[in-house]
Amino acid sequence: MNKADLIRAVSRVLGTRSDSVRAIEATFESMRNSLRSGEKVVLSGFGSFRVKMRKARKGRNPKTGQEVPVPPRRAVRFKASKELLGQ
């Protein structure tokens, strides 16, 4: 399922595509803002999203084989709930 499929599924419930698009966009924007500010996003019955810092490391240029430094960065982690996995 991609974003367009999700919008179609929500529009079956809400009735109009424009309302569905606004609802999906508002949900994603709210999640984005929370994760950017360092908050954890928990959706009961689905899972949780959190931001974790990745350490700096040494990478390798695949063309030349030369070592290159990879700077630290933030990455989003998702942990599925037990209900989502059916456990």
Protein backbone atom coordinates (compact mmCIF):
# COMPACT_ATOMS: atom_id res chain seq x y z
CA MET A 1 0.00 0.00 0.00
CA ASN A 2 1.29 3.44 -0.88
CA LYS A 3 0.03 6.92 -0.03
CA ALA A 4 -2.46 7.00 -2.92
CA ASP A 5 -3.92 3.64 -1.84
CA LEU A 6 -4.23 4.92 1.72
CA ILE A 7 -6.05 8.04 0.51
CA ARG A 8 -8.47 5.89 -1.51
CA ALA A 9 -9.16 3.66 1.52
CA VAL A 10 -9.79 6.65 3.79
CA SER A 11 -12.00 8.33 1.18
CA ARG A 12 -14.31 5.30 1.25
CA VAL A 13 -14.93 6.09 4.92
CA LEU A 14 -14.93 9.90 4.81
CA GLY A 15 -16.76 10.21 1.50
CA THR A 16 -14.61 12.73 -0.38
CA ARG A 17 -11.09 12.50 -1.69
CA SER A 18 -10.23 16.07 -0.68
CA ASP A 19 -11.18 15.41 2.95
CA SER A 20 -9.09 12.23 2.87
CA VAL A 21 -6.06 14.01 1.46
CA ARG A 22 -6.30 16.72 4.13
CA ALA A 23 -6.69 14.11 6.90
CA ILE A 24 -3.71 12.04 5.72
CA GLU A 25 -1.50 15.10 5.18
CA ALA A 26 -2.39 16.50 8.61
CA THR A 27 -1.59 13.17 10.25
CA PHE A 28 1.78 12.85 8.51
CA GLU A 29 2.70 16.49 9.18
CA SER A 30 1.88 16.10 12.86
CA MET A 31 4.01 12.94 13.05
CA ARG A 32 6.87 14.69 11.20
CA ASN A 33 6.81 17.66 13.58
CA SER A 34 6.78 15.42 16.66
CA LEU A 35 9.71 13.32 15.41
CA ARG A 36 11.71 16.42 14.44
CA SER A 37 11.30 17.79 17.96
CA GLY A 38 12.53 14.50 19.43
CA GLU A 39 9.19 13.16 20.64
CA LYS A 40 8.16 9.54 20.32
CA VAL A 41 5.03 8.85 18.23
CA VAL A 42 2.93 5.94 19.53
CA LEU A 43 -0.08 4.63 17.59
CA SER A 44 -1.82 2.06 19.77
CA GLY A 45 -2.41 -1.21 17.97
CA PHE A 46 0.01 -0.23 15.19
CA GLY A 47 3.44 0.63 16.60
CA SER A 48 5.78 3.40 17.65
CA PHE A 49 8.22 5.67 15.86
CA ARG A 50 11.25 7.31 17.48
CA VAL A 51 14.35 9.16 16.38
CA LYS A 52 17.72 7.62 17.15
CA MET A 53 21.15 9.08 16.50
CA ARG A 54 23.48 7.03 14.35
CA LYS A 55 27.14 7.26 15.27
CA ALA A 56 29.80 8.61 12.94
CA ARG A 57 31.59 5.83 11.12
CA LYS A 58 33.98 5.08 8.30
CA GLY A 59 32.40 4.14 5.00
CA ARG A 60 33.89 3.13 1.70
CA ASN A 61 33.47 4.62 -1.76
CA PRO A 62 32.27 1.65 -3.85
CA LYS A 63 33.96 2.94 -7.03
CA THR A 64 37.41 3.64 -5.66
CA GLY A 65 37.45 1.61 -2.44
CA GLN A 66 38.72 4.70 -0.61
CA GLU A 67 37.60 5.18 3.01
CA VAL A 68 35.33 8.16 3.60
CA PRO A 69 33.99 9.52 6.89
CA VAL A 70 30.22 9.20 7.35
CA PRO A 71 28.95 11.89 9.74
CA PRO A 72 26.51 11.16 12.59
CA ARG A 73 22.86 11.54 11.65
CA ARG A 74 19.34 11.06 12.91
CA ALA A 75 17.29 8.05 11.77
CA VAL A 76 13.68 7.05 12.43
CA ARG A 77 13.07 3.66 14.03
CA PHE A 78 9.74 1.83 13.93
CA LYS A 79 8.70 -0.87 16.34
CA ALA A 80 5.52 -2.77 15.46
CA SER A 81 2.98 -3.45 18.20
CA LYS A 82 2.09 -6.99 19.16
CA GLU A 83 -1.45 -6.45 17.85
CA LEU A 84 -0.12 -5.52 14.41
CA LEU A 85 1.97 -8.66 14.28
CA GLY A 86 -0.87 -10.81 15.55
CA GLN A 87 1.00 -12.10 18.60
